[in-house]
């Protein structure tokens, strides 16, 4: 569990700099340059991510069950992860109504994904992993919305075609992941 927690501290710590020290981040980028900042940020993120993957794998070897989620929660989680996939795709598809309305769909995607997995899993490692991401996403979303207000950020309106493309890609990506890739990557088949 210690490796998992260390990975979360590094990965989420790096991703929390804009939440807790945005002014310091801006000053540091101005001082050292954009590319060196991104290089160090990327290396720390990768190191944290690797530690999360390794630590989660180690923690799953000796599971500590806190509760047994009802079978229905798998279906609820599947539906929520579908929403998370659509939100994630909305981050990248230009001029979609989802991003126009919610402004930060990637952080909301993480929030929904983490909540879904907390509902469906009662293992201590799951609670630590997904709980940490959920808490981070809540604070990250609040900080991003606050930055938008301070900076007067205006998001372009969405179009029907941009929104339709977002939803279609999100649904297809979710289906591939839910019915094939999740089992391949994590050994868990959400729908049987």
Protein backbone atom coordinates (compact mmCIF):
# COMPACT_ATOMS: atom_id res chain seq x y z
CA UNK A 1 0.00 0.00 0.00
CA UNK A 2 2.93 2.34 0.65
CA UNK A 3 3.99 2.23 -3.02
CA UNK A 4 0.45 3.09 -4.12
CA UNK A 5 0.24 6.00 -1.67
CA UNK A 6 3.68 7.30 -2.72
CA UNK A 7 2.60 7.17 -6.37
CA UNK A 8 -0.61 9.03 -5.59
CA UNK A 9 1.27 11.69 -3.63
CA UNK A 10 3.69 12.26 -6.52
CA UNK A 11 1.16 12.07 -9.36
CA UNK A 12 -1.64 14.04 -7.73
CA UNK A 13 0.86 16.37 -6.07
CA UNK A 14 2.27 17.38 -9.44
CA UNK A 15 -1.25 17.77 -10.80
CA UNK A 16 -2.24 19.89 -7.79
CA UNK A 17 0.30 22.66 -8.33
CA UNK A 18 -2.27 24.81 -10.17
CA UNK A 19 -4.70 24.23 -7.29
CA UNK A 20 -2.42 25.28 -4.45
CA UNK A 21 0.39 27.33 -6.04
CA UNK A 22 -0.70 28.70 -9.40
CA UNK A 23 1.28 31.92 -8.93
CA UNK A 24 4.45 29.99 -8.09
CA UNK A 25 3.88 27.77 -11.14
CA UNK A 26 3.52 30.79 -13.43
CA UNK A 27 6.66 32.44 -11.98
CA UNK A 28 8.67 29.22 -12.27
CA UNK A 29 7.65 28.70 -15.91
CA UNK A 30 8.66 32.31 -16.63
CA UNK A 31 12.02 31.74 -14.92
CA UNK A 32 13.00 28.30 -16.31
CA UNK A 33 10.99 28.21 -19.54
CA UNK A 34 8.04 26.21 -20.77
CA UNK A 35 9.94 23.19 -22.11
CA UNK A 36 12.03 22.50 -18.98
CA UNK A 37 8.90 22.91 -16.84
CA UNK A 38 6.97 20.45 -19.01
CA UNK A 39 9.92 18.05 -18.97
CA UNK A 40 10.16 17.92 -15.17
CA UNK A 41 6.35 17.86 -14.86
CA UNK A 42 6.14 14.96 -17.33
CA UNK A 43 8.91 12.94 -15.66
CA UNK A 44 7.35 13.38 -12.22
CA UNK A 45 3.91 12.47 -13.59
CA UNK A 46 5.24 9.34 -15.27
CA UNK A 47 7.13 8.30 -12.12
CA UNK A 48 4.01 8.80 -10.02
CA UNK A 49 1.85 6.91 -12.52
CA UNK A 50 4.26 3.96 -12.62
CA UNK A 51 4.28 3.83 -8.82
CA UNK A 52 0.46 3.92 -8.79
CA UNK A 53 0.25 1.01 -11.24
CA UNK A 54 2.87 -1.05 -9.40
CA UNK A 55 1.47 -0.18 -5.97
CA UNK A 56 -2.10 -0.97 -6.98
CA UNK A 57 -0.98 -4.31 -8.40
CA UNK A 58 0.86 -5.14 -5.19
CA UNK A 59 -2.10 -4.09 -3.04
CA UNK A 60 -4.46 -6.29 -5.07
CA UNK A 61 -2.37 -9.36 -4.19
CA UNK A 62 -3.46 -9.13 -0.54
CA UNK A 63 -6.87 -7.45 -0.72
CA UNK A 64 -8.44 -5.93 2.37
CA UNK A 65 -12.20 -5.81 1.86
CA UNK A 66 -14.05 -3.00 3.58
CA UNK A 67 -17.44 -3.86 2.07
CA UNK A 68 -19.02 -5.95 -0.66
CA UNK A 69 -20.72 -3.74 -3.24
CA UNK A 70 -24.11 -5.00 -4.45
CA UNK A 71 -24.07 -6.46 -7.97
CA UNK A 72 -26.31 -3.62 -9.17
CA UNK A 73 -23.47 -1.19 -8.49
CA UNK A 74 -21.51 -2.72 -11.38
CA UNK A 75 -24.25 -1.56 -13.73
CA UNK A 76 -24.46 1.87 -12.11
CA UNK A 77 -20.68 2.15 -12.36
CA UNK A 78 -20.81 1.12 -16.02
CA UNK A 79 -23.33 3.85 -16.78
CA UNK A 80 -21.30 6.44 -14.88
CA UNK A 81 -18.12 5.44 -16.70
CA UNK A 82 -19.99 5.90 -19.99
CA UNK A 83 -20.66 9.48 -18.87
CA UNK A 84 -16.99 9.82 -17.90
CA UNK A 85 -15.88 8.71 -21.37
CA UNK A 86 -18.16 11.23 -23.04
CA UNK A 87 -16.84 13.96 -20.76
CA UNK A 88 -13.26 12.95 -21.54
CA UNK A 89 -13.89 13.10 -25.28
CA UNK A 90 -15.60 16.49 -24.82
CA UNK A 91 -12.23 17.83 -23.68
CA UNK A 92 -10.78 17.33 -27.16
CA UNK A 93 -13.61 17.72 -29.69
CA UNK A 94 -13.87 21.36 -30.73
CA UNK A 95 -17.07 23.33 -30.27
CA UNK A 96 -19.20 20.79 -28.43
CA UNK A 97 -22.01 21.86 -26.13
CA UNK A 98 -20.72 19.76 -23.25
CA UNK A 99 -17.46 21.70 -22.97
CA UNK A 100 -19.28 24.96 -23.67
CA UNK A 101 -21.56 24.31 -20.69
CA UNK A 102 -19.25 22.53 -18.20
CA UNK A 103 -15.92 24.22 -19.15
CA UNK A 104 -13.66 21.54 -17.67
CA UNK A 105 -14.98 18.17 -18.80
CA UNK A 106 -11.72 16.29 -18.23
CA UNK A 107 -11.69 17.01 -14.51
CA UNK A 108 -15.39 16.14 -14.33
CA UNK A 109 -14.58 12.93 -16.20
CA UNK A 110 -12.07 11.99 -13.51
CA UNK A 111 -14.60 12.83 -10.82
CA UNK A 112 -17.33 10.64 -12.36
CA UNK A 113 -14.86 7.81 -13.13
CA UNK A 114 -13.58 7.79 -9.54
CA UNK A 115 -17.07 7.89 -8.04
CA UNK A 116 -18.19 5.03 -10.29
CA UNK A 117 -15.30 2.86 -9.18
CA UNK A 118 -15.86 3.68 -5.50
CA UNK A 119 -19.49 2.57 -5.81
CA UNK A 120 -18.52 -0.76 -7.37
CA UNK A 121 -15.45 -1.66 -5.30
CA UNK A 122 -15.05 -2.11 -1.56
CA UNK A 123 -11.39 -3.10 -1.46
CA UNK A 124 -9.06 -0.84 0.57
CA UNK A 125 -6.72 -0.31 -2.39
CA UNK A 126 -9.69 0.73 -4.55
CA UNK A 127 -10.91 3.15 -1.89
CA UNK A 128 -7.45 4.71 -1.56
CA UNK A 129 -6.91 4.97 -5.34
CA UNK A 130 -10.33 6.15 -6.45
CA UNK A 131 -10.98 8.18 -3.31
CA UNK A 132 -7.75 10.12 -3.84
CA UNK A 133 -8.65 10.86 -7.45
CA UNK A 134 -12.18 11.91 -6.45
CA UNK A 135 -10.92 14.34 -3.80
CA UNK A 136 -8.33 15.72 -6.22
CA UNK A 137 -10.95 16.19 -8.96
CA UNK A 138 -13.29 18.09 -6.64
CA UNK A 139 -10.56 20.58 -5.69
CA UNK A 140 -9.18 20.78 -9.21
CA UNK A 141 -12.59 21.61 -10.67
CA UNK A 142 -13.21 24.32 -8.07
CA UNK A 143 -9.78 25.86 -8.74
CA UNK A 144 -10.29 25.77 -12.52
CA UNK A 145 -13.69 27.46 -12.26
CA UNK A 146 -12.20 30.10 -9.97
CA UNK A 147 -9.39 30.76 -12.50
CA UNK A 148 -12.02 31.11 -15.24
CA UNK A 149 -13.91 33.72 -13.21
CA UNK A 150 -10.75 35.67 -12.37
CA UNK A 151 -9.51 35.60 -15.97
CA UNK A 152 -12.94 36.23 -17.51
CA UNK A 153 -12.60 33.09 -19.64
CA UNK A 154 -15.35 32.68 -22.22
CA UNK A 155 -15.88 29.32 -23.88
CA UNK A 156 -17.11 29.17 -27.48
CA UNK A 157 -20.66 27.91 -27.92
CA UNK A 158 -21.11 24.31 -28.91
CA UNK A 159 -22.56 23.06 -32.16
CA UNK A 160 -24.88 20.13 -32.76
CA UNK A 161 -22.28 18.39 -34.93
CA UNK A 162 -19.50 18.88 -32.38
CA UNK A 163 -21.72 17.51 -29.63
CA UNK A 164 -22.88 14.54 -31.72
CA UNK A 165 -19.29 13.64 -32.61
CA UNK A 166 -18.36 13.88 -28.93
CA UNK A 167 -21.14 11.54 -27.84
CA UNK A 168 -20.55 8.99 -30.62
CA UNK A 169 -16.79 8.80 -30.00
CA UNK A 170 -17.37 8.63 -26.24
CA UNK A 171 -19.87 5.78 -26.54
CA UNK A 172 -17.66 3.79 -28.94
CA UNK A 173 -14.56 4.30 -26.78
CA UNK A 174 -16.52 3.26 -23.68
CA UNK A 175 -17.84 0.12 -25.39
CA UNK A 176 -14.37 -0.94 -26.53
CA UNK A 177 -13.00 -0.34 -23.05
CA UNK A 178 -15.89 -1.85 -21.10
CA UNK A 179 -16.32 -4.99 -23.18
CA UNK A 180 -12.71 -5.70 -24.13
CA UNK A 181 -9.84 -3.47 -22.94
CA UNK A 182 -10.74 -3.30 -19.22
CA UNK A 183 -10.56 -7.09 -18.93
CA UNK A 184 -7.34 -7.22 -20.94
CA UNK A 185 -5.60 -4.44 -18.99
CA UNK A 186 -6.93 -4.99 -15.46
CA UNK A 187 -8.24 -8.55 -15.41
CA UNK A 188 -11.74 -7.36 -14.54
CA UNK A 189 -14.59 -7.62 -17.02
CA UNK A 190 -17.21 -5.09 -15.87
CA UNK A 191 -20.06 -6.84 -17.70
CA UNK A 192 -19.22 -10.47 -17.20
